[in-house]
């Protein structure tokens, strides 16, 4: 399934590593890369063990 491959590709992309499956589904929809629900993102990412590896970008220091 092409959609599954696109979801995996987006989830592994460094610029999206800090996004949850919900946020990633919105970004993908807005950019036209993938039209899939947040639950589809969750399901595919969980099967590929990409949920545990989500990293938050360090917050920039507030001066």
C-alpha atoms as a PDB file:
ATOM      1  CA  UNK A   1       0.000   0.000   0.000  1.00  0.00           C
ATOM      2  CA  UNK A   2       1.471   3.321  -1.099  1.00  0.00           C
ATOM      3  CA  UNK A   3      -0.109   5.235   1.794  1.00  0.00           C
ATOM      4  CA  UNK A   4       1.654   3.018   4.340  1.00  0.00           C
ATOM      5  CA  UNK A   5       5.049   3.661   2.750  1.00  0.00           C
ATOM      6  CA  UNK A   6       4.427   7.399   2.696  1.00  0.00           C
ATOM      7  CA  UNK A   7       3.485   7.395   6.382  1.00  0.00           C
ATOM      8  CA  UNK A   8       6.650   5.487   7.284  1.00  0.00           C
ATOM      9  CA  UNK A   9       8.787   7.826   5.194  1.00  0.00           C
ATOM     10  CA  UNK A  10       7.311  10.906   6.888  1.00  0.00           C
ATOM     11  CA  UNK A  11       7.592   9.418  10.375  1.00  0.00           C
ATOM     12  CA  UNK A  12      11.284   8.649   9.838  1.00  0.00           C
ATOM     13  CA  UNK A  13      12.068  12.107   8.443  1.00  0.00           C
ATOM     14  CA  UNK A  14      14.308  14.081  10.828  1.00  0.00           C
ATOM     15  CA  UNK A  15      12.267  17.255  10.435  1.00  0.00           C
ATOM     16  CA  UNK A  16       9.187  15.427  11.768  1.00  0.00           C
ATOM     17  CA  UNK A  17      10.799  13.470  14.627  1.00  0.00           C
ATOM     18  CA  UNK A  18       9.264  15.704  17.285  1.00  0.00           C
ATOM     19  CA  UNK A  19       5.692  15.374  15.997  1.00  0.00           C
ATOM     20  CA  UNK A  20       3.088  13.030  17.407  1.00  0.00           C
ATOM     21  CA  UNK A  21       1.048  10.844  15.073  1.00  0.00           C
ATOM     22  CA  UNK A  22      -1.795  13.377  15.296  1.00  0.00           C
ATOM     23  CA  UNK A  23       0.425  16.330  14.438  1.00  0.00           C
ATOM     24  CA  UNK A  24       2.094  14.400  11.647  1.00  0.00           C
ATOM     25  CA  UNK A  25      -1.252  13.524  10.063  1.00  0.00           C
ATOM     26  CA  UNK A  26      -2.226  17.205  10.010  1.00  0.00           C
ATOM     27  CA  UNK A  27       1.110  18.299   8.521  1.00  0.00           C
ATOM     28  CA  UNK A  28       0.935  15.559   5.884  1.00  0.00           C
ATOM     29  CA  UNK A  29      -2.600  16.561   4.949  1.00  0.00           C
ATOM     30  CA  UNK A  30      -1.791  20.276   4.775  1.00  0.00           C
ATOM     31  CA  UNK A  31       1.239  19.684   2.546  1.00  0.00           C
ATOM     32  CA  UNK A  32      -0.624  17.165   0.383  1.00  0.00           C
ATOM     33  CA  UNK A  33       1.912  14.411   1.066  1.00  0.00           C
ATOM     34  CA  UNK A  34      -0.511  11.860   2.558  1.00  0.00           C
ATOM     35  CA  UNK A  35      -4.263  11.903   3.113  1.00  0.00           C
ATOM     36  CA  UNK A  36      -4.736   9.600   6.094  1.00  0.00           C
ATOM     37  CA  UNK A  37      -6.381   9.824   9.490  1.00  0.00           C
ATOM     38  CA  UNK A  38      -4.476  10.202  12.733  1.00  0.00           C
ATOM     39  CA  UNK A  39      -5.540   6.670  13.641  1.00  0.00           C
ATOM     40  CA  UNK A  40      -3.994   5.359  10.415  1.00  0.00           C
ATOM     41  CA  UNK A  41      -0.754   7.152  11.272  1.00  0.00           C
ATOM     42  CA  UNK A  42      -0.884   5.674  14.776  1.00  0.00           C
ATOM     43  CA  UNK A  43      -1.551   2.144  13.514  1.00  0.00           C
ATOM     44  CA  UNK A  44       1.251   2.184  10.925  1.00  0.00           C
ATOM     45  CA  UNK A  45       3.755   3.902  13.214  1.00  0.00           C
ATOM     46  CA  UNK A  46       2.996   1.466  16.059  1.00  0.00           C
ATOM     47  CA  UNK A  47       3.436  -1.543  13.745  1.00  0.00           C
ATOM     48  CA  UNK A  48       6.778  -0.149  12.581  1.00  0.00           C
ATOM     49  CA  UNK A  49       7.823   0.646  16.178  1.00  0.00           C
ATOM     50  CA  UNK A  50       8.093   4.347  15.408  1.00  0.00           C
ATOM     51  CA  UNK A  51       5.935   5.511  18.317  1.00  0.00           C
ATOM     52  CA  UNK A  52       8.524   4.831  21.016  1.00  0.00           C
ATOM     53  CA  UNK A  53      11.255   6.688  19.153  1.00  0.00           C
ATOM     54  CA  UNK A  54       9.510  10.055  18.915  1.00  0.00           C
ATOM     55  CA  UNK A  55      11.819  12.739  20.265  1.00  0.00           C
ATOM     56  CA  UNK A  56      11.018  16.207  21.396  1.00  0.00           C
ATOM     57  CA  UNK A  57      13.263  18.937  20.090  1.00  0.00           C
ATOM     58  CA  UNK A  58      15.027  20.745  22.911  1.00  0.00           C
ATOM     59  CA  UNK A  59      13.267  23.943  23.830  1.00  0.00           C
ATOM     60  CA  UNK A  60      15.109  27.121  23.031  1.00  0.00           C
ATOM     61  CA  UNK A  61      16.203  28.964  26.163  1.00  0.00           C
ATOM     62  CA  UNK A  62      14.002  31.873  27.162  1.00  0.00           C
ATOM     63  CA  UNK A  63      16.041  34.978  27.926  1.00  0.00           C
END
